[in-house]
Structures are given as C-alpha cells and as structure tokens.
Protein backbone atom coordinates (compact mmCIF):
# COMPACT_ATOMS: atom_id res chain seq x y z
CA MET A 1 15.54 -15.28 -17.81
CA PRO A 2 15.90 -16.41 -21.40
CA THR A 3 12.85 -18.24 -22.55
CA GLU A 4 11.68 -19.64 -26.12
CA LEU A 5 9.20 -16.66 -26.44
CA ALA A 6 10.85 -13.49 -27.15
CA GLY A 7 14.28 -14.54 -26.01
CA GLY A 8 13.38 -13.47 -22.43
CA LEU A 9 11.67 -10.28 -23.17
CA ASP A 10 8.35 -11.83 -21.69
CA SER A 11 10.33 -12.35 -18.61
CA LEU A 12 11.50 -8.89 -18.16
CA LEU A 13 7.86 -7.33 -19.37
CA SER A 14 6.20 -9.54 -16.56
CA MET A 15 8.33 -7.97 -14.05
CA VAL A 16 8.38 -4.02 -15.27
CA GLN A 17 4.90 -3.84 -16.47
CA MET A 18 3.06 -4.84 -12.95
CA PRO A 19 -0.02 -2.94 -12.53
CA GLY A 20 -0.49 -0.82 -9.52
CA ASP A 21 -1.01 -2.39 -6.02
CA VAL A 22 1.76 -5.07 -7.12
CA PRO A 23 5.08 -3.69 -5.99
CA VAL A 24 7.97 -5.31 -7.83
CA ALA A 25 11.74 -4.83 -6.95
CA VAL A 26 14.01 -5.49 -9.78
CA VAL A 27 17.80 -5.83 -9.67
CA GLY A 28 20.13 -6.72 -12.51
CA THR A 29 21.46 -10.31 -13.13
CA ASN A 30 24.94 -9.46 -13.97
CA SER A 31 27.97 -9.47 -11.60
CA GLY A 32 26.51 -6.39 -9.51
CA GLY A 33 23.02 -8.08 -9.09
CA PRO A 34 23.66 -9.82 -5.71
CA ARG A 35 25.30 -6.67 -4.42
CA ASN A 36 22.54 -4.48 -5.57
CA ALA A 37 19.98 -6.85 -3.92
CA GLY A 38 21.63 -6.54 -0.80
CA LEU A 39 21.80 -2.96 -0.90
CA LEU A 40 18.03 -2.71 -1.92
CA ALA A 41 17.11 -5.03 1.14
CA VAL A 42 19.51 -2.61 3.50
CA GLN A 43 17.59 0.38 2.25
CA ILE A 44 14.09 -1.02 2.88
CA LEU A 45 15.17 -2.13 6.42
CA ALA A 46 16.82 1.10 6.95
CA LEU A 47 13.45 3.00 6.98
CA GLY A 48 12.74 1.57 10.29
CA GLN A 49 16.17 1.61 11.82
CA PRO A 50 18.01 4.92 12.41
CA GLU A 51 21.37 3.13 13.21
CA LEU A 52 21.21 1.27 9.80
CA GLN A 53 20.21 4.62 8.27
CA GLU A 54 23.17 6.10 9.62
CA LYS A 55 25.40 3.20 8.15
CA LEU A 56 23.79 3.28 4.76
CA LEU A 57 24.56 7.17 4.65
CA ARG A 58 28.23 6.55 5.52
CA PHE A 59 28.42 4.08 2.84
CA LYS A 60 26.70 6.02 0.15
CA GLN A 61 29.20 9.18 1.00
CA GLU A 62 32.15 6.64 0.81
CA LEU A 63 30.84 5.65 -2.41
CA VAL A 64 30.43 9.13 -3.47
CA GLU A 65 34.25 9.89 -2.66
CA LYS A 66 35.35 6.90 -4.69
CA VAL A 67 33.48 7.98 -7.80
CA ARG A 68 35.04 11.45 -7.51
CA ALA A 69 38.33 10.15 -6.88
CA ALA A 70 37.74 7.88 -10.10
CA HIS A 71 36.59 10.84 -11.98
CA ALA A 72 39.48 12.98 -11.07
CA GLY A 73 41.98 10.26 -12.09
CA LEU A 74 40.11 9.80 -15.41
CA GLN A 75 40.40 13.71 -15.94
CA ALA A 76 44.07 13.61 -15.12
CA GLN A 77 44.62 10.82 -17.45
CA LEU A 78 42.58 12.60 -20.39
CA GLY A 79 44.57 15.71 -19.83
CA GLN A 80 47.89 13.86 -20.05
CA GLN A 81 46.74 12.09 -23.35
CA ALA A 82 45.53 15.67 -24.72
CA GLN A 83 48.98 17.36 -23.96
CA LYS A 84 50.69 14.40 -25.84
CA SER A 85 48.45 15.10 -29.01
C-alpha cells in the first residue's frame, strides 16, 4: 500500500519483518492476488480435511500439466525460430 513514507516500503516491511510468534501470510496485490489468497486459504483448511487435500492435490497436478504443456509449446516455438535463423 503506497504511503507518503518510503513510497509503501514501510507497509511491506511491516508485514515481512514480523517477529517470531506473529504469523503473517502475505499474497501479492497484483491480478493474481485474490486467486493466491484463495489457494492459501484452501491449503490451510486442507490440513484438517482429507477430502479437500485430495482436491488440492488434483488441482496442483493439473497445474503441473498446464505448465509442462506451456513449456513444451514454448520449446517448440523456440526450435522453429532457431531453424529459421
């Protein structure tokens, strides 16, 4: 959060420099922030709910597959560009 003091750095430091025994969960404020906040909440809740743990695991496995597919697509695109050079 921007402030007059240090352009918001003071706000950041107040969250990330908490002493022991003062847990703080911080997620980004960009467009992915709300999604990441929801995922953090699900991960916390899943600690005590096996069914939710399974759903979270499936979600993360699907995410891995999406990343692998995107990586493969990028590698193919880079390979095509290299052949043209």
